[in-house]
Amino acid sequence: MTTSTIYQQLDAWVDAHFDAQVAFLQQLIQVPTDTPPGNNAPHAERTAELLAQMGLHADQYAVPASDVQAQGMQSITNLIVRRVYGTAGADGQAHPVLALNAHGDVVPPGDGWSHEPYGGDVVEGKIYGRASAVSKSDFSTFTFALRALEAVAKPVQGQLELHFTYDEEFGGELGPGWLLAQGLTKPDMMVAAGFSYEVVTAHNGCLQMEVTVHGKMAHAAIPASGVDALQAAVKILNALYAQNDQYQCITSNVPGISHPYLNVGRIEGGTNTNVVPGKVSFKLDRRMIPEEDPQHVEAEIRRVIEQAAISSPGVHVEIKRLLLAKSMQPLAANAPLVTAIQTHGKFIFGQDIPAKGTPLYTDVRLYAQRGIPGVIYGAGPRTVLESNAKRADEHLLLDDLRGATKVMARSLYDWLCQSL
């Protein structure tokens, strides 16, 4: 049987089982995984049940409750599906392992939905729901690509693992980071959930911090008897926003990544309208381009905050790091991954699939930091904005889901049946 015939048969298998794939994704969407609060073990249990119905056993690894609660979540169970094809090589060494990773935790849906956030509604060729695009979609992409490979190509070498994890929104340290640190997996290459029209080889880092400004409460009729924490916080915020303007002068050499930037995403404080606020806190997100040093970035942010606070006598400022996610650097060894995805992506989608960076940060960095080459690819539109990811009415075009599954099935054949 020729290689082109196998590709055609893989495509046909995906088409024949696509209704089942959509139903699988609907059932994944229908189990909420809002993070916070992060009670995600029930979704892992349901996913394992659904995989078992397809003949795929998933090892379940519950992260200790103390570790989970220390990160501000309630429960995490990570899954690994292990498929071993053939026996060890003639030299007695195990065949290389390829891992496919997608995360099931999501930000809460928020307001403004015209479809049930956890309904999995299919309307006019789109499936709606939180995580329909990021990234429960790729639970189904990777699962059905694996099934197509085994049904059609029947690989006899290599190993394939599905990593379904539940800590991406909080940084991934209790998801892939925990699995790797515990020695539960050690892949040689990996692919993480992404979108259909590009293969991502690098991404930004992310520093998140909580800043609490302490003043002294007072009656609004005698404000001089207090210390206004909000006024001090405004000075700090103005200094941070001025710093953000300067970031536009710093450019990355990685295509797809522009410059660093800073966002303040949450502010709270004060007790009542007629009270001088004694405490104000805010949370900031600083995206770091691959060329930046995370330690230097954090030190600079702390310096800007502390210097701005000096002009507010009586104010005390606490700065707490919430997350430090390092950037993903391109690794030359990911070339076989990139080549296969670009080749098959062009055939399936009828357009070039560029290799580029993204301003997002992902779990892939945790693999890359251990020298494991990886890329980001999966089911999704051309941009995050098009999918409404992290916004109301998140959705995924079913054609993109179908196409990405074919690309992954073809690529798995290349990696496991030809190149390894």
Protein backbone atom coordinates (compact mmCIF):
# COMPACT_ATOMS: atom_id res chain seq x y z
CA MET A 1 0.00 0.00 0.00
CA THR A 2 1.43 3.38 -0.97
CA THR A 3 1.87 6.26 1.46
CA SER A 4 -0.62 8.41 -0.47
CA THR A 5 -3.20 5.63 -0.19
CA ILE A 6 -2.70 5.48 3.58
CA TYR A 7 -3.18 9.25 3.83
CA GLN A 8 -6.45 8.91 1.90
CA GLN A 9 -7.61 6.11 4.18
CA LEU A 10 -6.76 8.15 7.27
CA ASP A 11 -8.84 11.03 5.90
CA ALA A 12 -11.71 8.67 5.13
CA TRP A 13 -11.60 7.19 8.66
CA VAL A 14 -11.81 10.68 10.19
CA ASP A 15 -14.78 11.52 7.96
CA ALA A 16 -16.56 8.27 8.81
CA HIS A 17 -16.18 8.84 12.56
CA PHE A 18 -16.62 12.59 12.66
CA ASP A 19 -20.11 12.53 14.20
CA ALA A 20 -18.71 10.43 17.04
CA GLN A 21 -15.84 12.89 17.45
CA VAL A 22 -18.22 15.85 17.73
CA ALA A 23 -20.33 13.95 20.26
CA PHE A 24 -17.17 13.23 22.28
CA LEU A 25 -16.28 16.93 22.29
CA GLN A 26 -19.81 17.88 23.32
CA GLN A 27 -19.60 15.58 26.34
CA LEU A 28 -16.25 17.11 27.31
CA ILE A 29 -17.68 20.63 27.10
CA GLN A 30 -20.69 19.67 29.21
CA VAL A 31 -18.59 18.99 32.32
CA PRO A 32 -17.57 22.44 33.71
CA THR A 33 -13.94 23.10 34.56
CA ASP A 34 -13.99 26.75 35.67
CA THR A 35 -10.56 27.68 37.03
CA PRO A 36 -10.94 29.27 39.50
CA PRO A 37 -12.30 27.56 41.52
CA GLY A 38 -10.50 24.70 39.79
CA ASN A 39 -12.43 21.59 40.78
CA ASN A 40 -11.22 19.65 37.76
CA ALA A 41 -10.93 16.04 38.92
CA PRO A 42 -14.55 15.25 37.90
CA HIS A 43 -13.79 16.20 34.29
CA ALA A 44 -10.73 13.95 34.24
CA GLU A 45 -12.82 11.07 35.59
CA ARG A 46 -15.47 11.63 32.91
CA THR A 47 -12.82 11.88 30.19
CA ALA A 48 -11.28 8.60 31.33
CA GLU A 49 -14.72 6.95 31.14
CA LEU A 50 -15.28 8.21 27.60
CA LEU A 51 -11.82 7.09 26.51
CA ALA A 52 -12.41 3.64 28.01
CA GLN A 53 -15.54 3.32 25.88
CA MET A 54 -13.24 3.69 22.87
CA GLY A 55 -10.80 1.10 24.16
CA LEU A 56 -8.25 3.64 25.38
CA HIS A 57 -7.09 3.25 28.98
CA ALA A 58 -6.07 6.45 30.75
CA ASP A 59 -3.82 6.34 33.80
CA GLN A 60 -5.17 8.81 36.35
CA TYR A 61 -2.74 10.81 38.48
CA ALA A 62 -4.31 12.84 41.28
CA VAL A 63 -2.14 15.75 42.39
CA PRO A 64 -1.93 15.88 46.22
CA ALA A 65 -4.66 18.07 47.69
CA SER A 66 -2.16 20.14 49.65
CA ASP A 67 -0.31 21.10 46.46
CA VAL A 68 -3.53 21.93 44.65
CA GLN A 69 -4.94 24.02 47.47
CA ALA A 70 -1.66 25.90 47.83
CA GLN A 71 -2.16 27.08 44.25
CA GLY A 72 -5.71 28.24 44.97
CA MET A 73 -7.51 25.34 43.28
CA GLN A 74 -9.67 22.47 44.54
CA SER A 75 -8.75 19.28 42.67
CA ILE A 76 -6.58 18.13 39.77
CA THR A 77 -6.29 14.69 38.21
CA ASN A 78 -4.04 14.51 35.16
CA LEU A 79 -4.42 11.77 32.55
CA ILE A 80 -1.91 9.86 30.44
CA VAL A 81 -2.97 7.45 27.69
CA ARG A 82 0.02 5.29 26.73
CA ARG A 83 0.21 3.40 23.45
CA VAL A 84 3.27 1.24 22.76
CA TYR A 85 3.73 -0.02 19.22
CA GLY A 86 5.95 -3.05 18.81
CA THR A 87 8.83 -4.14 21.01
CA ALA A 88 12.10 -2.41 21.83
CA GLY A 89 14.65 -1.98 19.07
CA ALA A 90 17.47 -4.39 18.35
CA ASP A 91 19.73 -2.48 20.72
CA GLY A 92 17.25 -3.05 23.55
CA GLN A 93 16.37 0.62 23.74
CA ALA A 94 12.73 1.66 23.97
CA HIS A 95 11.27 3.34 20.92
CA PRO A 96 10.98 7.15 21.07
CA VAL A 97 7.90 8.63 22.71
CA LEU A 98 5.72 11.30 21.11
CA ALA A 99 3.33 13.11 23.48
CA LEU A 100 0.22 15.10 22.59
CA ASN A 101 -0.90 17.54 25.29
CA ALA A 102 -4.15 19.47 25.75
CA HIS A 103 -5.55 21.16 28.84
CA GLY A 104 -9.08 20.88 30.16
CA ASP A 105 -9.18 23.75 32.66
CA VAL A 106 -10.79 27.01 31.49
CA VAL A 107 -11.50 30.52 32.68
CA PRO A 108 -15.10 31.00 33.94
CA PRO A 109 -17.53 31.78 31.10
CA GLY A 110 -18.64 35.23 32.27
CA ASP A 111 -21.67 37.06 30.86
CA GLY A 112 -23.00 37.76 27.38
CA TRP A 113 -23.48 34.25 26.01
CA SER A 114 -26.19 33.57 23.43
CA HIS A 115 -25.55 29.81 23.80
CA GLU A 116 -25.26 27.75 26.96
CA PRO A 117 -21.56 27.94 27.97
CA TYR A 118 -21.56 24.26 28.89
CA GLY A 119 -24.08 23.05 26.34
CA GLY A 120 -21.89 22.08 23.41
CA ASP A 121 -24.54 23.37 20.99
CA VAL A 122 -23.90 22.78 17.29
CA VAL A 123 -25.34 25.55 15.13
CA GLU A 124 -24.60 26.28 11.46
CA GLY A 125 -21.37 24.32 11.37
CA LYS A 126 -20.00 25.61 14.66
CA ILE A 127 -19.81 24.07 18.12
CA TYR A 128 -20.29 26.50 21.01
CA GLY A 129 -19.14 26.32 24.61
CA ARG A 130 -16.34 27.18 26.97
CA ALA A 131 -13.23 25.27 25.86
CA SER A 132 -14.75 24.40 22.47
CA ALA A 133 -11.72 26.10 20.90
CA VAL A 134 -9.20 26.18 23.79
CA SER A 135 -8.55 23.38 24.35
CA LYS A 136 -11.00 20.54 24.97
CA SER A 137 -11.29 20.60 21.19
CA ASP A 138 -7.85 19.02 21.01
CA PHE A 139 -8.78 16.30 23.47
CA SER A 140 -10.90 15.15 20.53
CA THR A 141 -8.41 16.10 17.78
CA PHE A 142 -5.61 14.07 19.36
CA THR A 143 -7.81 11.17 20.45
CA PHE A 144 -9.39 10.65 17.05
CA ALA A 145 -6.10 11.15 15.21
CA LEU A 146 -4.67 8.37 17.38
CA ARG A 147 -7.67 6.15 16.66
CA ALA A 148 -7.39 6.79 12.91
CA LEU A 149 -3.70 5.91 12.99
CA GLU A 150 -4.28 2.63 14.80
CA ALA A 151 -7.25 1.66 12.63
CA VAL A 152 -5.58 2.36 9.31
CA ALA A 153 -1.79 2.30 9.63
CA LYS A 154 -1.41 -0.17 12.50
CA PRO A 155 1.98 1.19 13.64
CA VAL A 156 4.61 -1.30 14.79
CA GLN A 157 7.20 1.06 16.25
CA GLY A 158 7.35 4.03 18.56
CA GLN A 159 5.20 5.12 21.48
CA LEU A 160 2.40 7.65 21.63
CA GLU A 161 1.05 9.34 24.75
CA LEU A 162 -1.94 11.59 25.26
CA HIS A 163 -1.44 14.06 28.13
CA PHE A 164 -4.71 15.60 29.27
CA THR A 165 -3.94 18.04 32.06
CA TYR A 166 -5.77 20.62 34.19
CA ASP A 167 -3.52 23.49 35.26
CA GLU A 168 -2.80 25.62 32.19
CA GLU A 169 -4.77 28.63 33.44
CA PHE A 170 -2.65 28.68 36.62
CA GLY A 171 0.65 28.09 34.83
CA GLY A 172 0.86 24.35 34.21
CA GLU A 173 3.16 23.46 37.09
CA LEU A 174 0.59 21.02 38.49
CA GLY A 175 -0.28 19.76 35.01
CA PRO A 176 2.58 18.81 32.66
CA GLY A 177 5.09 20.28 35.10
CA TRP A 178 3.97 17.88 37.82
CA LEU A 179 3.88 14.84 35.52
CA LEU A 180 7.40 15.59 34.32
CA ALA A 181 8.76 16.32 37.81
CA GLN A 182 7.30 13.07 39.17
CA GLY A 183 8.96 11.07 36.40
CA LEU A 184 5.60 9.84 35.15
CA THR A 185 6.46 10.71 31.56
CA LYS A 186 9.59 11.51 29.58
CA PRO A 187 8.68 12.09 25.94
CA ASP A 188 11.20 12.66 23.18
CA MET A 189 8.94 15.05 21.23
CA MET A 190 5.58 16.65 21.84
CA VAL A 191 2.71 18.60 20.28
CA ALA A 192 0.40 20.79 22.33
CA ALA A 193 -3.08 22.10 21.58
CA GLY A 194 -3.20 24.98 19.12
CA PHE A 195 -4.96 26.32 16.04
CA SER A 196 -5.24 24.92 12.53
CA TYR A 197 -3.67 27.58 10.34
CA GLU A 198 -0.23 27.93 11.91
CA VAL A 199 2.32 25.80 13.71
CA VAL A 200 3.75 27.64 16.69
CA THR A 201 7.41 27.15 17.55
CA ALA A 202 7.92 29.89 20.18
CA HIS A 203 5.83 31.94 22.58
CA ASN A 204 5.94 34.71 25.14
CA GLY A 205 6.57 34.28 28.82
CA CYS A 206 4.23 35.67 31.45
CA LEU A 207 4.76 37.28 34.84
CA GLN A 208 1.67 37.82 37.00
CA MET A 209 1.82 39.77 40.24
CA GLU A 210 -0.56 41.02 42.94
CA VAL A 211 0.16 44.47 44.34
CA THR A 212 -1.49 45.50 47.60
CA VAL A 213 -1.32 49.15 48.67
CA HIS A 214 -1.92 49.74 52.39
CA GLY A 215 -2.95 53.17 53.67
CA LYS A 216 -5.17 54.15 56.58
CA MET A 217 -8.96 54.31 56.60
CA ALA A 218 -10.66 57.54 57.67
CA HIS A 219 -14.04 59.24 57.54
CA ALA A 220 -14.51 61.08 54.24
CA ALA A 221 -15.43 64.22 56.24
CA ILE A 222 -11.90 64.32 57.69
CA PRO A 223 -9.73 62.77 54.96
CA ALA A 224 -6.52 64.25 56.32
CA SER A 225 -6.78 61.85 59.27
CA GLY A 226 -6.22 58.93 56.92
CA VAL A 227 -3.86 57.83 54.18
CA ASP A 228 -5.59 57.28 50.84
CA ALA A 229 -4.47 53.95 49.43
CA LEU A 230 -6.35 54.55 46.19
CA GLN A 231 -4.49 57.76 45.39
CA ALA A 232 -1.22 55.94 45.96
CA ALA A 233 -2.39 53.06 43.79
CA VAL A 234 -3.25 55.50 40.99
CA LYS A 235 0.32 56.85 41.07
CA ILE A 236 1.67 53.31 40.85
CA LEU A 237 -0.68 52.45 38.00
CA ASN A 238 0.31 55.57 36.08
CA ALA A 239 3.97 54.61 36.47
CA LEU A 240 3.27 51.09 35.21
CA TYR A 241 1.29 52.35 32.23
CA ALA A 242 4.13 54.75 31.37
CA GLN A 243 6.47 51.78 31.48
CA ASN A 244 4.10 49.90 29.20
CA ASP A 245 4.38 52.68 26.61
CA GLN A 246 8.15 52.19 26.56
CA TYR A 247 7.76 48.49 25.81
CA GLN A 248 6.62 49.33 22.28
CA CYS A 249 10.21 50.31 21.51
CA ILE A 250 11.41 46.77 22.29
CA THR A 251 10.88 44.35 19.42
CA SER A 252 11.26 40.60 19.15
CA ASN A 253 13.11 38.84 16.35
CA VAL A 254 10.58 35.98 16.42
CA PRO A 255 7.93 36.24 13.65
CA GLY A 256 4.46 36.51 15.16
CA ILE A 257 5.68 38.20 18.35
CA SER A 258 5.84 41.98 18.49
CA HIS A 259 6.86 43.59 21.78
CA PRO A 260 6.41 43.15 25.56
CA TYR A 261 3.30 44.56 27.19
CA LEU A 262 1.63 44.94 30.55
CA ASN A 263 -2.01 44.67 31.53
CA VAL A 264 -3.77 45.34 34.84
CA GLY A 265 -6.70 42.96 34.80
CA ARG A 266 -8.27 43.27 38.26
CA ILE A 267 -8.59 46.03 40.87
CA GLU A 268 -10.41 45.97 44.20
CA GLY A 269 -10.39 47.98 47.41
CA GLY A 270 -12.10 50.43 49.71
CA THR A 271 -14.99 49.78 52.08
CA ASN A 272 -17.63 52.44 51.34
CA THR A 273 -18.24 55.65 49.44
CA ASN A 274 -17.81 57.83 52.52
CA VAL A 275 -14.59 56.17 53.71
CA VAL A 276 -11.04 57.00 52.66
CA PRO A 277 -9.81 53.66 51.26
CA GLY A 278 -7.28 52.00 53.51
CA LYS A 279 -6.35 49.17 51.15
CA VAL A 280 -6.36 48.71 47.38
CA SER A 281 -5.03 45.72 45.47
CA PHE A 282 -4.59 45.00 41.80
CA LYS A 283 -3.26 42.18 39.66
CA LEU A 284 -1.00 42.71 36.67
CA ASP A 285 0.07 40.56 33.75
CA ARG A 286 3.43 41.24 32.09
CA ARG A 287 4.05 39.39 28.82
CA MET A 288 7.72 38.75 28.08
CA ILE A 289 9.15 38.22 24.61
CA PRO A 290 11.53 35.25 24.21
CA GLU A 291 14.58 37.51 24.27
CA GLU A 292 13.84 38.89 27.76
CA ASP A 293 15.28 37.65 31.06
CA PRO A 294 12.38 36.90 33.46
CA GLN A 295 14.40 37.80 36.57
CA HIS A 296 15.32 41.17 35.11
CA VAL A 297 11.71 41.83 34.10
CA GLU A 298 10.41 41.10 37.59
CA ALA A 299 13.09 43.24 39.23
CA GLU A 300 12.23 46.13 36.93
CA ILE A 301 8.50 45.90 37.71
CA ARG A 302 9.21 45.88 41.44
CA ARG A 303 11.49 48.92 41.05
CA VAL A 304 8.82 50.90 39.17
CA ILE A 305 6.21 50.12 41.84
CA GLU A 306 8.46 50.91 44.78
CA GLN A 307 9.68 54.19 43.30
CA ALA A 308 6.12 55.32 42.55
CA ALA A 309 5.08 54.52 46.13
CA ILE A 310 7.78 56.75 47.61
CA SER A 311 5.77 59.88 46.74
CA SER A 312 2.88 58.73 48.99
CA PRO A 313 3.98 59.08 52.66
CA GLY A 314 2.41 56.62 55.06
CA VAL A 315 1.76 54.02 52.38
CA HIS A 316 3.08 50.45 52.56
CA VAL A 317 3.15 48.26 49.45
CA GLU A 318 3.21 44.46 49.26
CA ILE A 319 4.20 42.78 45.99
CA LYS A 320 3.47 39.09 45.47
CA ARG A 321 4.43 37.01 42.48
CA LEU A 322 1.51 34.86 41.34
CA LEU A 323 2.99 33.25 38.24
CA LEU A 324 6.26 33.16 36.36
CA ALA A 325 5.87 31.28 33.10
CA LYS A 326 9.03 31.35 31.03
CA SER A 327 8.91 31.83 27.28
CA MET A 328 9.19 28.96 24.83
CA GLN A 329 12.35 29.10 22.76
CA PRO A 330 12.51 27.43 19.33
CA LEU A 331 14.42 24.13 19.37
CA ALA A 332 16.00 22.92 16.12
CA ALA A 333 15.03 19.30 16.88
CA ASN A 334 11.35 20.13 16.32
CA ALA A 335 11.95 20.23 12.53
CA PRO A 336 10.24 16.85 11.82
CA LEU A 337 7.16 18.04 13.68
CA VAL A 338 7.03 21.34 11.79
CA THR A 339 7.64 19.77 8.37
CA ALA A 340 4.87 17.18 8.67
CA ILE A 341 2.27 19.64 9.95
CA GLN A 342 3.10 22.21 7.28
CA THR A 343 2.99 19.61 4.50
CA HIS A 344 -0.31 18.05 5.50
CA GLY A 345 -1.83 21.33 6.64
CA LYS A 346 -1.27 22.82 3.20
CA PHE A 347 -2.91 19.81 1.54
CA ILE A 348 -5.92 19.69 3.86
CA PHE A 349 -6.57 23.44 4.23
CA GLY A 350 -5.34 24.53 0.82
CA GLN A 351 -2.97 27.18 2.11
CA ASP A 352 0.50 27.55 3.57
CA ILE A 353 0.81 26.85 7.30
CA PRO A 354 3.45 29.28 8.63
CA ALA A 355 5.80 28.40 11.48
CA LYS A 356 5.82 31.35 13.88
CA GLY A 357 5.65 32.57 17.44
CA THR A 358 2.62 33.61 19.45
CA PRO A 359 2.12 36.21 22.18
CA LEU A 360 0.30 33.60 24.30
CA TYR A 361 2.05 31.43 26.86
CA THR A 362 1.39 27.70 27.10
CA ASP A 363 2.33 24.47 28.86
CA VAL A 364 4.75 23.62 26.06
CA ARG A 365 7.47 25.67 27.73
CA LEU A 366 7.56 23.11 30.57
CA TYR A 367 8.55 20.40 28.09
CA ALA A 368 10.98 22.69 26.23
CA GLN A 369 12.75 23.61 29.48
CA ARG A 370 13.61 19.92 29.83
CA GLY A 371 15.04 19.82 26.32
CA ILE A 372 11.97 18.15 24.80
CA PRO A 373 11.31 19.68 21.35
CA GLY A 374 7.71 20.61 20.76
CA VAL A 375 5.29 22.64 18.70
CA ILE A 376 1.77 23.94 19.09
CA TYR A 377 -0.90 22.74 16.66
CA GLY A 378 -4.53 21.68 16.81
CA ALA A 379 -8.10 22.63 15.96
CA GLY A 380 -8.93 26.31 15.78
CA PRO A 381 -9.28 29.43 13.62
CA ARG A 382 -6.66 31.80 12.30
CA THR A 383 -6.65 33.96 15.43
CA VAL A 384 -7.65 33.75 19.07
CA LEU A 385 -10.04 36.65 18.46
CA GLU A 386 -12.00 34.71 15.84
CA SER A 387 -12.73 31.88 18.26
CA ASN A 388 -13.94 34.14 21.10
CA ALA A 389 -11.61 32.19 23.38
CA LYS A 390 -11.92 33.49 26.96
CA ARG A 391 -14.95 35.54 25.84
CA ALA A 392 -18.68 34.93 25.45
CA ASP A 393 -19.79 32.53 22.71
CA GLU A 394 -16.48 30.72 22.35
CA HIS A 395 -16.84 28.42 19.37
CA LEU A 396 -15.04 26.24 16.85
CA LEU A 397 -15.78 25.64 13.18
CA LEU A 398 -16.42 21.93 12.70
CA ASP A 399 -14.53 22.08 9.40
CA ASP A 400 -11.44 23.21 11.33
CA LEU A 401 -11.86 20.36 13.80
CA ARG A 402 -12.18 17.86 10.98
CA GLY A 403 -9.23 19.31 9.07
CA ALA A 404 -6.89 19.48 12.06
CA THR A 405 -7.70 15.87 12.97
CA LYS A 406 -6.73 14.77 9.47
CA VAL A 407 -3.51 16.78 9.64
CA MET A 408 -2.63 15.20 12.97
CA ALA A 409 -3.51 11.66 11.81
CA ARG A 410 -1.32 12.05 8.71
CA SER A 411 1.49 13.57 10.79
CA LEU A 412 1.33 10.76 13.34
CA TYR A 413 1.77 8.31 10.48
CA ASP A 414 4.87 10.20 9.32
CA TRP A 415 6.36 10.34 12.81
CA LEU A 416 5.51 6.85 14.05
CA CYS A 417 5.46 4.75 10.89
CA GLN A 418 8.17 6.35 8.81
CA SER A 419 10.67 8.63 10.55
CA LEU A 420 11.14 7.19 14.03
